[in-house]
Protein backbone atom coordinates (compact mmCIF):
# COMPACT_ATOMS: atom_id res chain seq x y z
CA MET A 1 91.23 241.21 229.83
CA GLN A 2 90.01 239.71 226.57
CA ARG A 3 92.47 240.46 223.67
CA ARG A 4 90.92 242.00 220.53
CA ARG A 5 92.35 241.60 217.36
CA THR A 6 92.08 243.44 214.05
CA SER A 7 89.91 241.68 211.36
CA PRO A 8 91.57 240.17 208.26
CA ALA A 9 89.27 241.80 206.09
CA LEU A 10 90.20 245.31 207.60
CA THR A 11 93.85 244.37 207.20
CA LEU A 12 93.66 243.08 203.71
CA ALA A 13 91.57 246.47 202.61
CA ALA A 14 94.46 248.74 204.03
CA LEU A 15 97.11 246.97 202.29
CA VAL A 16 95.02 247.32 198.71
CA SER A 17 94.71 250.90 199.14
CA ILE A 18 98.36 251.63 199.89
CA ILE A 19 99.09 249.69 196.70
CA VAL A 20 96.53 251.54 194.85
CA ALA A 21 97.79 254.86 195.72
CA SER A 22 101.57 254.05 194.92
CA VAL A 23 100.64 252.83 191.68
CA ALA A 24 98.40 256.01 190.57
CA GLY A 25 100.88 258.37 192.05
CA GLY A 26 103.74 256.83 189.72
CA TRP A 27 101.26 256.97 186.61
CA PHE A 28 100.94 260.41 187.65
CA ILE A 29 104.33 261.46 187.64
CA ALA A 30 105.26 259.53 184.49
CA ALA A 31 102.48 261.44 182.68
CA GLN A 32 104.03 264.73 183.73
CA VAL A 33 107.49 263.78 182.61
CA ALA A 34 106.01 262.76 179.39
CA ASP A 35 104.24 266.20 178.91
CA GLY A 36 107.90 267.86 179.40
CA GLU A 37 107.41 269.58 182.22
CA SER A 38 110.47 269.57 184.90
CA VAL A 39 109.27 267.58 188.33
CA MET A 40 111.14 268.16 191.15
CA VAL A 41 111.06 264.75 193.20
CA VAL A 42 111.13 265.08 196.97
CA VAL A 43 111.59 262.11 199.01
CA ALA A 44 110.32 263.16 202.41
CA ALA A 45 112.06 261.35 205.25
CA ASP A 46 108.74 259.34 207.08
CA PRO A 47 108.36 258.59 210.69
CA SER A 48 108.98 254.94 211.87
CA GLU A 49 105.70 252.71 210.31
CA PRO A 50 104.21 251.54 213.69
CA THR A 51 102.58 247.81 213.26
CA TYR A 52 99.02 247.58 212.22
CA ASP A 53 97.66 246.55 215.64
CA ALA A 54 100.22 248.81 218.06
CA GLY A 55 97.56 250.91 219.15
CA ASP A 56 95.19 248.02 220.08
CA PRO A 57 95.00 248.02 224.15
CA MET A 58 94.37 244.34 224.14
CA ASP A 59 97.82 243.64 222.60
CA ALA A 60 99.70 242.04 225.29
CA GLU A 61 102.54 241.09 222.86
CA PRO A 62 103.18 243.64 220.12
CA LEU A 63 104.59 242.02 216.77
CA PRO A 64 108.30 242.53 216.04
CA PRO A 65 109.20 245.38 214.37
CA VAL A 66 109.80 245.63 210.31
CA ALA A 67 113.36 246.45 211.17
CA GLU A 68 114.12 242.80 211.35
CA LEU A 69 112.93 242.30 207.93
CA GLN A 70 115.98 244.49 206.50
CA PRO A 71 117.45 243.97 203.00
CA GLU A 72 121.05 242.59 202.74
CA ALA A 73 122.32 245.99 201.76
CA PRO A 74 120.57 249.37 201.91
CA PRO A 75 120.26 251.02 198.68
CA PRO A 76 122.45 254.36 197.84
CA THR A 77 121.19 257.69 199.05
CA LEU A 78 119.34 259.61 196.56
CA ARG A 79 120.76 263.20 195.73
CA ALA A 80 118.50 266.56 195.41
CA ASP A 81 119.46 267.29 191.95
CA VAL A 82 116.83 268.86 189.35
CA ILE A 83 115.92 266.35 186.41
CA GLU A 84 117.01 267.41 183.06
CA PRO A 85 114.11 268.39 180.43
CA ALA A 86 112.66 265.31 178.52
CA ALA A 87 114.67 266.53 175.36
CA ALA A 88 117.88 266.70 176.82
CA ARG A 89 117.42 263.42 178.77
CA THR A 90 118.07 259.90 177.53
CA PRO A 91 114.99 257.14 177.68
CA SER A 92 116.71 255.77 180.50
CA SER A 93 116.38 258.82 182.93
CA THR A 94 114.46 258.12 185.99
CA PRO A 95 111.40 259.95 187.05
CA ARG A 96 111.81 262.38 190.34
CA ARG A 97 108.97 262.86 193.00
CA THR A 98 108.41 266.57 194.00
CA ASN A 99 106.37 267.86 196.65
CA ASP A 100 103.27 269.93 197.06
CA ALA A 101 105.32 273.04 196.60
CA GLY A 102 106.70 272.04 193.51
CA SER A 103 110.24 271.95 195.01
CA VAL A 104 112.68 268.86 194.86
CA ALA A 105 112.69 267.34 198.02
CA SER A 106 116.34 266.87 199.98
CA PRO A 107 116.66 263.15 199.91
CA SER A 108 116.30 261.25 203.58
CA PRO A 109 118.33 258.09 204.17
CA VAL A 110 116.77 254.88 203.69
CA THR A 111 116.51 253.37 207.04
CA PRO A 112 115.24 249.90 207.97
CA GLU A 113 111.82 251.09 209.23
CA THR A 114 111.22 253.10 206.23
CA ALA A 115 112.23 250.40 203.77
CA SER A 116 108.92 249.18 203.29
CA THR A 117 107.13 252.30 202.31
CA THR A 118 109.90 253.67 200.02
CA ASP A 119 109.53 253.07 196.47
CA PRO A 120 112.38 250.89 195.33
CA GLN A 121 115.08 252.94 193.23
CA PRO A 122 117.13 251.85 190.39
CA GLU A 123 120.95 251.30 191.16
CA PRO A 124 123.00 253.93 189.58
CA SER A 125 124.69 252.81 186.51
CA THR A 126 128.66 252.65 187.27
CA THR A 127 130.97 253.56 184.75
CA PRO A 128 134.35 251.29 185.19
CA SER A 129 137.16 253.28 185.68
CA ALA A 130 140.16 253.19 183.70
CA PRO A 131 142.68 250.81 185.56
CA GLU A 132 145.55 253.04 187.13
CA PRO A 133 148.81 252.46 185.14
CA LYS A 134 151.36 250.61 187.04
CA SER A 135 154.67 252.05 187.92
CA PRO A 136 157.18 250.20 186.05
CA PRO A 137 159.29 247.75 188.02
CA ALA A 138 162.59 248.96 189.26
CA PRO A 139 165.57 247.85 187.17
CA ARG A 140 167.17 244.63 188.63
CA ALA A 141 170.95 244.54 189.05
CA PRO A 142 172.53 242.41 186.75
CA ALA A 143 173.26 238.93 188.18
CA PRO A 144 177.03 238.37 188.78
CA PRO A 145 178.42 235.93 186.36
CA LYS A 146 178.47 232.19 187.82
CA ALA A 147 181.96 230.92 188.24
CA PRO A 148 182.77 228.11 186.14
CA PRO A 149 182.73 224.67 188.00
CA ALA A 150 185.86 223.50 189.36
CA PRO A 151 187.18 220.61 187.21
CA LYS A 152 186.66 217.27 188.94
CA ALA A 153 189.44 215.11 189.58
CA PRO A 154 189.23 211.96 187.68
CA ALA A 155 187.90 208.91 189.53
CA PRO A 156 190.35 206.70 190.65
CA LYS A 157 191.04 203.34 188.48
CA ALA A 158 190.23 200.09 190.34
CA LYS A 159 193.72 198.53 191.38
CA ALA A 160 194.12 195.11 189.67
CA ASP A 161 194.14 192.25 192.07
CA PRO A 162 197.81 191.85 192.66
CA GLY A 163 196.97 188.09 193.55
CA PRO A 164 198.79 186.54 196.44
CA VAL A 165 201.27 187.97 198.42
CA LEU A 166 204.30 186.36 198.05
CA ALA A 167 206.94 186.06 200.80
CA PRO A 168 210.21 187.58 200.20
CA TYR A 169 212.86 185.37 199.15
CA ASP A 170 214.79 184.24 202.04
CA PRO A 171 218.26 182.68 200.90
CA PRO A 172 219.42 179.58 203.01
CA PRO A 173 222.33 180.10 205.09
CA ALA A 174 225.56 179.19 203.39
CA ILE A 175 228.56 177.78 205.00
CA GLY A 176 232.18 177.55 203.98
CA ILE A 177 234.32 174.72 205.06
CA ALA A 178 237.95 174.80 205.93
CA ALA A 179 240.25 172.28 204.62
CA GLU A 180 241.43 170.87 208.17
CA ALA A 181 237.82 170.75 209.54
CA LEU A 182 236.86 167.83 207.08
CA PRO A 183 237.45 164.39 208.15
CA ALA A 184 240.19 162.36 206.47
CA GLU A 185 238.84 160.63 203.34
CA GLY A 186 239.33 157.23 204.89
CA GLN A 187 237.53 158.02 207.89
CA ALA A 188 234.22 159.49 206.58
CA TRP A 189 232.64 156.08 205.89
CA THR A 190 233.36 154.56 209.21
CA LEU A 191 232.11 157.48 211.18
CA LEU A 192 228.75 157.74 208.88
CA THR A 193 228.08 154.11 209.41
CA ALA A 194 228.53 154.51 213.29
CA MET A 195 226.35 157.47 213.35
CA ARG A 196 223.68 155.77 211.33
CA ARG A 197 223.52 152.99 214.06
CA ARG A 198 223.21 155.72 216.91
CA ALA A 199 220.53 157.62 215.10
CA ALA A 200 216.69 156.73 216.41
CA ALA A 201 214.36 155.05 214.11
CA GLY A 202 212.28 157.31 212.15
CA SER A 203 214.21 160.39 212.95
CA GLN A 204 215.19 162.72 209.97
CA GLU A 205 219.00 161.67 210.77
CA ARG A 206 218.45 158.16 210.38
CA ALA A 207 216.57 158.87 207.09
CA ASP A 208 219.37 161.24 205.71
CA LEU A 209 222.20 158.68 206.72
CA ASP A 210 220.17 155.70 205.11
CA TRP A 211 220.01 157.37 201.51
CA LEU A 212 223.76 158.38 201.88
CA ILE A 213 225.28 154.89 202.78
CA GLY A 214 222.72 153.41 200.32
CA PHE A 215 224.05 156.00 197.66
CA ALA A 216 227.77 155.13 198.52
CA ARG A 217 227.52 151.21 197.94
CA SER A 218 225.66 151.78 195.04
CA ALA A 219 228.71 154.09 193.68
CA ALA A 220 231.35 151.39 194.80
CA SER A 221 229.58 148.53 193.24
CA PRO A 222 231.44 146.62 190.24
CA GLY A 223 231.20 148.43 187.05
CA ALA A 224 230.41 151.69 188.39
CA PRO A 225 232.33 154.50 186.63
CA GLN A 226 235.17 156.07 188.78
CA GLY A 227 233.57 159.61 188.55
CA ARG A 228 230.49 158.39 190.68
CA GLN A 229 232.86 157.08 193.24
CA ALA A 230 234.66 160.45 193.40
CA THR A 231 231.42 162.38 193.79
CA ALA A 232 230.43 159.64 196.81
CA ARG A 233 233.72 160.15 198.47
CA ARG A 234 233.58 164.07 198.54
CA ALA A 235 229.46 163.88 199.49
CA LEU A 236 230.71 161.45 202.54
CA ARG A 237 233.24 163.65 204.02
CA VAL A 238 230.96 166.64 203.96
CA ASN A 239 228.11 164.92 205.75
CA ALA A 240 230.44 163.44 208.06
CA TRP A 241 231.59 166.80 209.19
CA TRP A 242 228.20 168.12 209.57
CA TYR A 243 226.44 165.19 211.59
CA GLN A 244 229.43 164.52 213.81
CA ARG A 245 228.31 167.94 215.52
CA ARG A 246 224.68 168.77 214.33
CA ALA A 247 221.23 167.11 214.20
CA ALA A 248 219.68 167.00 210.62
CA PRO A 249 218.95 170.39 209.21
CA GLY A 250 215.32 172.01 209.68
CA GLU A 251 215.73 173.93 206.47
CA ARG A 252 217.76 174.04 203.08
CA VAL A 253 221.51 174.67 203.76
CA ILE A 254 224.45 175.39 201.38
CA ALA A 255 227.92 174.33 202.30
CA ARG A 256 230.85 175.21 200.08
CA ASP A 257 234.00 172.68 200.46
CA PRO A 258 237.83 173.96 200.29
CA ASP A 259 237.82 172.90 196.49
CA GLY A 260 234.80 175.47 195.81
CA VAL A 261 232.40 172.67 195.07
CA ILE A 262 228.92 173.74 196.32
CA LEU A 263 226.77 170.65 198.07
CA THR A 264 223.38 171.24 198.88
CA TYR A 265 221.20 169.90 201.60
CA LYS A 266 217.72 167.89 201.18
CA ARG A 267 215.85 166.10 203.20
CA GLY A 268 216.17 162.66 203.08
CA HIS A 269 219.20 162.72 201.00
CA GLY A 270 221.55 164.83 203.08
CA PHE A 271 224.10 166.95 201.41
CA MET A 272 224.84 166.43 197.82
CA VAL A 273 227.05 167.84 195.27
CA ASN A 274 225.24 170.26 193.01
CA PRO A 275 227.12 171.11 189.40
CA VAL A 276 224.91 173.86 188.62
CA ALA A 277 225.36 175.55 191.85
CA THR A 278 228.77 175.25 191.27
CA ILE A 279 229.38 176.07 187.99
CA GLY A 280 226.96 179.30 188.31
CA ARG A 281 228.70 180.57 191.37
CA TRP A 282 225.53 180.52 193.39
CA ARG A 283 225.44 183.49 195.50
CA ASP A 284 229.31 184.32 195.02
CA LEU A 285 230.22 181.41 196.95
CA ASN A 286 232.96 180.34 194.96
CA ASP A 287 234.10 183.82 193.25
CA ALA A 288 237.54 183.15 194.54
CA TRP A 289 238.19 180.19 192.13
CA THR A 290 239.16 180.75 188.85
CA PRO A 291 237.59 178.48 185.77
CA ALA A 292 240.51 176.48 185.40
CA GLN A 293 240.53 175.87 189.30
CA LEU A 294 236.80 175.04 189.12
CA ALA A 295 237.36 172.61 186.14
CA GLU A 296 240.17 170.68 187.99
CA SER A 297 238.08 170.20 190.99
CA LEU A 298 234.99 168.90 188.96
CA LEU A 299 237.13 166.80 186.40
CA PRO A 300 237.37 163.77 188.90
CA MET A 301 233.63 163.67 189.24
CA LEU A 302 232.81 163.47 185.42
CA ALA A 303 231.35 159.84 185.11
CA GLY A 304 232.32 158.06 181.64
CA ARG A 305 229.17 157.11 179.37
CA ALA A 306 228.87 155.45 176.08
CA ASN A 307 226.28 155.71 173.47
CA GLY A 308 226.86 153.13 170.87
CA GLN A 309 230.43 153.70 169.64
CA ILE A 310 230.71 157.36 171.31
CA ASP A 311 232.27 158.06 174.74
CA TRP A 312 231.17 160.83 176.58
CA ALA A 313 231.21 162.37 180.30
CA ALA A 314 228.61 163.71 182.53
CA LEU A 315 228.24 165.39 185.72
CA GLU A 316 225.60 163.29 187.48
CA TYR A 317 222.66 163.64 189.81
CA PHE A 318 221.14 160.89 191.96
CA ASP A 319 217.96 161.86 193.74
CA VAL A 320 214.70 161.06 191.56
CA PRO A 321 211.81 163.61 191.93
CA GLY A 322 208.77 161.60 193.63
CA GLU A 323 210.60 159.10 194.76
CA PRO A 324 212.61 160.30 198.08
CA SER A 325 214.16 156.79 199.07
CA ALA A 326 215.21 155.96 195.34
CA VAL A 327 219.04 156.07 194.19
CA ARG A 328 219.45 156.54 190.72
CA PRO A 329 222.05 158.25 188.51
CA GLY A 330 220.77 161.18 185.96
CA VAL A 331 221.97 163.67 183.79
CA SER A 332 220.68 167.34 183.58
CA GLY A 333 220.91 169.27 180.40
CA MET A 334 221.59 172.65 182.34
CA ALA A 335 224.41 171.21 184.11
CA GLN A 336 225.95 169.76 180.59
CA ALA A 337 225.60 172.90 179.07
CA ARG A 338 227.26 174.82 182.11
CA ALA A 339 230.27 172.15 182.42
CA THR A 340 230.82 172.64 178.54
CA SER A 341 231.31 176.42 178.89
CA LEU A 342 233.48 176.03 182.14
CA TYR A 343 235.88 173.81 179.98
CA ALA A 344 235.85 175.95 176.92
CA LYS A 345 236.83 179.14 179.12
CA ALA A 346 239.26 176.93 181.45
CA TRP A 347 241.25 175.00 178.33
């Protein structure tokens, strides 16, 4: 069947008629209100408005309902209140409609179907309500007092660099020689020269005995003081006693003879008389000897010297620092001072 459609002209005429009727009704109500008459506005609940061509049998596909064109939020529901007289109303009062009987019609809810035919109503004025008073906050318990911070221990001071660690002093071994252990004075020279010949070339024993024999020869040379020869004879006896039984010492050794005289071993020189250690009673090795006894033991070894017309005596040393093989008589200021103190006490 061929579909029939409503003429556009007819549709436009219907819309114009509806608009004119709405405007004329609004003017009428406004005029009544202006004359002071009470108007009861009744908003009747209209049936859902059909589409314009809903009754056309030729419509196979009706248009979508108006409900899909609903506003974002529906207006509030109107109340059926009596409008106050014009004298008591403010100019902003809104006119209401009445039905044919002159009574105020009960409001009907605005639905999406009637939204297109219901007159738009102004939104009721809302007065902002006073904010509710807030309850006071509950009192807080006082915070416990903070404990004072614990005193900090002072930072340890950096220790000064102690420098190189020195090994503890290890005194050399000391030996006391009995009188009967020493060889006879006339035999020491013969024993030492024989031992020198038997010592291997380049050995420590050969080096020690070479220096000792050279020293004894120089002390016995013509013009040498008698005290120097007495020192050489004492040294020869102690060295003959040592090398007759032992090899050269591997370290420094202290020997004390039967007269309380102290001799020290030095590599390359053998055992030699040490006046400073003897008078100073080193390590208490000769504490058993009185000052007079020590003075008597050292007296033969005093070497006479002359300085112009002044004669004087000295306890001599024969080694030369930096020259291991040299033999040269020398005087020590410390030895002289100690000898002076010893003889002052003894005499």
